[in-house]
Amino acid sequence: MTRERLSAALEELKSQPVRNKPLSLRLSGEEQKRLYKAAKLQGIPPASLARVLIVTGLADLEALPRT
């Protein structure tokens, strides 16, 4: 994901209604370290980065041609 796409996705999520449906994920220690490091570099909470990555990843999957 490009920095520009990440920034745009974060801005879009800020304008959306309050989210109140929890989701629990189990990450390996290495995955958690990578998430926290990336979130720190972006200056956002890890949960926000995870949400952006999930939402944009789902959008990418939905855009793929169905076979």
N, C-alpha and C. Protein backbone atom coordinates (compact mmCIF):
# COMPACT_ATOMS: atom_id res chain seq x y z
N MET A 1 0.85 -1.16 0.00
CA MET A 1 0.00 0.00 0.00
C MET A 1 0.90 1.23 0.00
N THR A 2 0.58 2.18 -0.85
CA THR A 2 1.39 3.40 -0.91
C THR A 2 1.04 4.32 0.25
N ARG A 3 1.95 5.19 0.59
CA ARG A 3 1.71 6.16 1.66
C ARG A 3 0.50 7.04 1.34
N GLU A 4 0.36 7.42 0.07
CA GLU A 4 -0.77 8.25 -0.34
C GLU A 4 -2.09 7.51 -0.16
N ARG A 5 -2.10 6.23 -0.52
CA ARG A 5 -3.32 5.45 -0.38
C ARG A 5 -3.67 5.25 1.10
N LEU A 6 -2.66 5.03 1.92
CA LEU A 6 -2.89 4.89 3.35
C LEU A 6 -3.46 6.18 3.92
N SER A 7 -2.90 7.32 3.56
CA SER A 7 -3.39 8.60 4.06
C SER A 7 -4.83 8.84 3.63
N ALA A 8 -5.14 8.54 2.38
CA ALA A 8 -6.50 8.72 1.89
C ALA A 8 -7.47 7.81 2.63
N ALA A 9 -7.07 6.57 2.86
CA ALA A 9 -7.93 5.61 3.56
C ALA A 9 -8.16 6.05 5.01
N LEU A 10 -7.14 6.57 5.66
CA LEU A 10 -7.30 7.05 7.04
C LEU A 10 -8.26 8.22 7.09
N GLU A 11 -8.13 9.15 6.16
CA GLU A 11 -9.04 10.30 6.13
C GLU A 11 -10.47 9.86 5.88
N GLU A 12 -10.65 8.90 4.99
CA GLU A 12 -11.99 8.40 4.69
C GLU A 12 -12.62 7.75 5.92
N LEU A 13 -11.83 6.99 6.66
CA LEU A 13 -12.36 6.31 7.84
C LEU A 13 -12.75 7.29 8.94
N LYS A 14 -12.05 8.42 9.03
CA LYS A 14 -12.38 9.43 10.04
C LYS A 14 -13.77 9.99 9.83
N SER A 15 -14.22 10.04 8.59
CA SER A 15 -15.53 10.63 8.28
C SER A 15 -16.67 9.63 8.41
N GLN A 16 -16.36 8.39 8.68
CA GLN A 16 -17.40 7.37 8.79
C GLN A 16 -17.99 7.37 10.19
N PRO A 17 -19.20 6.80 10.32
CA PRO A 17 -19.84 6.76 11.63
C PRO A 17 -19.03 5.95 12.65
N VAL A 18 -19.38 6.12 13.89
CA VAL A 18 -18.71 5.41 14.98
C VAL A 18 -18.82 3.91 14.75
N ARG A 19 -17.73 3.24 15.01
CA ARG A 19 -17.70 1.79 14.86
C ARG A 19 -17.88 1.15 16.23
N ASN A 20 -18.81 0.22 16.32
CA ASN A 20 -19.05 -0.41 17.62
C ASN A 20 -19.13 -1.93 17.53
N LYS A 21 -18.66 -2.50 16.45
CA LYS A 21 -18.64 -3.95 16.30
C LYS A 21 -17.21 -4.44 16.51
N PRO A 22 -16.93 -5.07 17.64
CA PRO A 22 -15.56 -5.50 17.93
C PRO A 22 -15.15 -6.70 17.07
N LEU A 23 -13.85 -6.79 16.87
CA LEU A 23 -13.26 -7.92 16.16
C LEU A 23 -11.99 -8.29 16.90
N SER A 24 -11.83 -9.55 17.16
CA SER A 24 -10.64 -10.02 17.86
C SER A 24 -9.75 -10.76 16.88
N LEU A 25 -8.47 -10.41 16.87
CA LEU A 25 -7.50 -11.07 16.00
C LEU A 25 -6.39 -11.68 16.84
N ARG A 26 -5.88 -12.77 16.38
CA ARG A 26 -4.70 -13.36 17.01
C ARG A 26 -3.55 -13.22 16.04
N LEU A 27 -2.52 -12.50 16.48
CA LEU A 27 -1.33 -12.28 15.67
C LEU A 27 -0.15 -13.00 16.29
N SER A 28 0.79 -13.38 15.46
CA SER A 28 2.03 -13.92 16.00
C SER A 28 2.80 -12.76 16.62
N GLY A 29 3.80 -13.07 17.40
CA GLY A 29 4.61 -12.02 18.00
C GLY A 29 5.25 -11.13 16.95
N GLU A 30 5.73 -11.74 15.87
CA GLU A 30 6.35 -10.98 14.78
C GLU A 30 5.33 -10.09 14.07
N GLU A 31 4.14 -10.62 13.83
CA GLU A 31 3.09 -9.82 13.18
C GLU A 31 2.71 -8.62 14.04
N GLN A 32 2.61 -8.84 15.34
CA GLN A 32 2.26 -7.74 16.24
C GLN A 32 3.36 -6.67 16.25
N LYS A 33 4.60 -7.10 16.29
CA LYS A 33 5.71 -6.14 16.25
C LYS A 33 5.67 -5.31 14.98
N ARG A 34 5.42 -5.97 13.85
CA ARG A 34 5.35 -5.26 12.56
C ARG A 34 4.20 -4.25 12.54
N LEU A 35 3.05 -4.66 13.07
CA LEU A 35 1.89 -3.77 13.11
C LEU A 35 2.18 -2.55 13.98
N TYR A 36 2.71 -2.78 15.18
CA TYR A 36 3.00 -1.68 16.09
C TYR A 36 4.07 -0.75 15.52
N LYS A 37 5.08 -1.31 14.88
CA LYS A 37 6.14 -0.50 14.29
C LYS A 37 5.58 0.36 13.16
N ALA A 38 4.79 -0.24 12.29
CA ALA A 38 4.20 0.51 11.17
C ALA A 38 3.26 1.59 11.67
N ALA A 39 2.47 1.28 12.69
CA ALA A 39 1.54 2.27 13.24
C ALA A 39 2.30 3.43 13.86
N LYS A 40 3.37 3.12 14.57
CA LYS A 40 4.18 4.17 15.18
C LYS A 40 4.78 5.08 14.11
N LEU A 41 5.27 4.49 13.02
CA LEU A 41 5.83 5.28 11.93
C LEU A 41 4.79 6.19 11.29
N GLN A 42 3.53 5.73 11.26
CA GLN A 42 2.45 6.52 10.67
C GLN A 42 1.85 7.50 11.67
N GLY A 43 2.17 7.32 12.95
CA GLY A 43 1.64 8.21 13.98
C GLY A 43 0.17 7.95 14.29
N ILE A 44 -0.25 6.69 14.17
CA ILE A 44 -1.64 6.33 14.45
C ILE A 44 -1.67 5.11 15.36
N PRO A 45 -2.80 4.88 16.03
CA PRO A 45 -2.90 3.69 16.88
C PRO A 45 -2.85 2.41 16.03
N PRO A 46 -2.28 1.34 16.58
CA PRO A 46 -2.22 0.07 15.85
C PRO A 46 -3.59 -0.42 15.39
N ALA A 47 -4.61 -0.25 16.21
CA ALA A 47 -5.95 -0.71 15.83
C ALA A 47 -6.47 0.05 14.61
N SER A 48 -6.16 1.34 14.52
CA SER A 48 -6.58 2.12 13.36
C SER A 48 -5.89 1.65 12.10
N LEU A 49 -4.60 1.37 12.21
CA LEU A 49 -3.86 0.87 11.05
C LEU A 49 -4.40 -0.49 10.63
N ALA A 50 -4.65 -1.36 11.58
CA ALA A 50 -5.18 -2.69 11.26
C ALA A 50 -6.52 -2.55 10.55
N ARG A 51 -7.36 -1.65 11.02
CA ARG A 51 -8.67 -1.45 10.39
C ARG A 51 -8.53 -0.95 8.97
N VAL A 52 -7.64 0.02 8.76
CA VAL A 52 -7.42 0.54 7.41
C VAL A 52 -6.93 -0.57 6.48
N LEU A 53 -6.00 -1.37 6.96
CA LEU A 53 -5.48 -2.45 6.13
C LEU A 53 -6.55 -3.48 5.80
N ILE A 54 -7.39 -3.80 6.75
CA ILE A 54 -8.47 -4.75 6.51
C ILE A 54 -9.48 -4.18 5.51
N VAL A 55 -9.91 -2.95 5.73
CA VAL A 55 -10.92 -2.33 4.87
C VAL A 55 -10.40 -2.17 3.44
N THR A 56 -9.17 -1.69 3.29
CA THR A 56 -8.64 -1.51 1.93
C THR A 56 -8.36 -2.86 1.27
N GLY A 57 -7.93 -3.83 2.05
CA GLY A 57 -7.72 -5.17 1.51
C GLY A 57 -9.03 -5.79 1.02
N LEU A 58 -10.10 -5.59 1.79
CA LEU A 58 -11.40 -6.09 1.36
C LEU A 58 -11.86 -5.40 0.08
N ALA A 59 -11.63 -4.09 -0.01
CA ALA A 59 -12.00 -3.36 -1.23
C ALA A 59 -11.23 -3.90 -2.43
N ASP A 60 -9.96 -4.20 -2.23
CA ASP A 60 -9.16 -4.78 -3.32
C ASP A 60 -9.71 -6.14 -3.74
N LEU A 61 -10.07 -6.97 -2.77
CA LEU A 61 -10.62 -8.29 -3.09
C LEU A 61 -11.94 -8.17 -3.83
N GLU A 62 -12.79 -7.24 -3.40
CA GLU A 62 -14.08 -7.05 -4.05
C GLU A 62 -13.92 -6.56 -5.48
N ALA A 63 -12.82 -5.86 -5.77
CA ALA A 63 -12.58 -5.33 -7.11
C ALA A 63 -12.04 -6.38 -8.08
N LEU A 64 -11.58 -7.50 -7.55
CA LEU A 64 -11.04 -8.55 -8.42
C LEU A 64 -12.17 -9.20 -9.21
N PRO A 65 -11.87 -9.59 -10.45
CA PRO A 65 -12.90 -10.30 -11.22
C PRO A 65 -13.23 -11.64 -10.56
N ARG A 66 -14.47 -11.97 -10.57
CA ARG A 66 -14.91 -13.25 -9.98
C ARG A 66 -14.83 -14.33 -11.03
N THR A 67 -14.35 -15.48 -10.60
CA THR A 67 -14.24 -16.60 -11.54
C THR A 67 -15.12 -17.75 -11.10
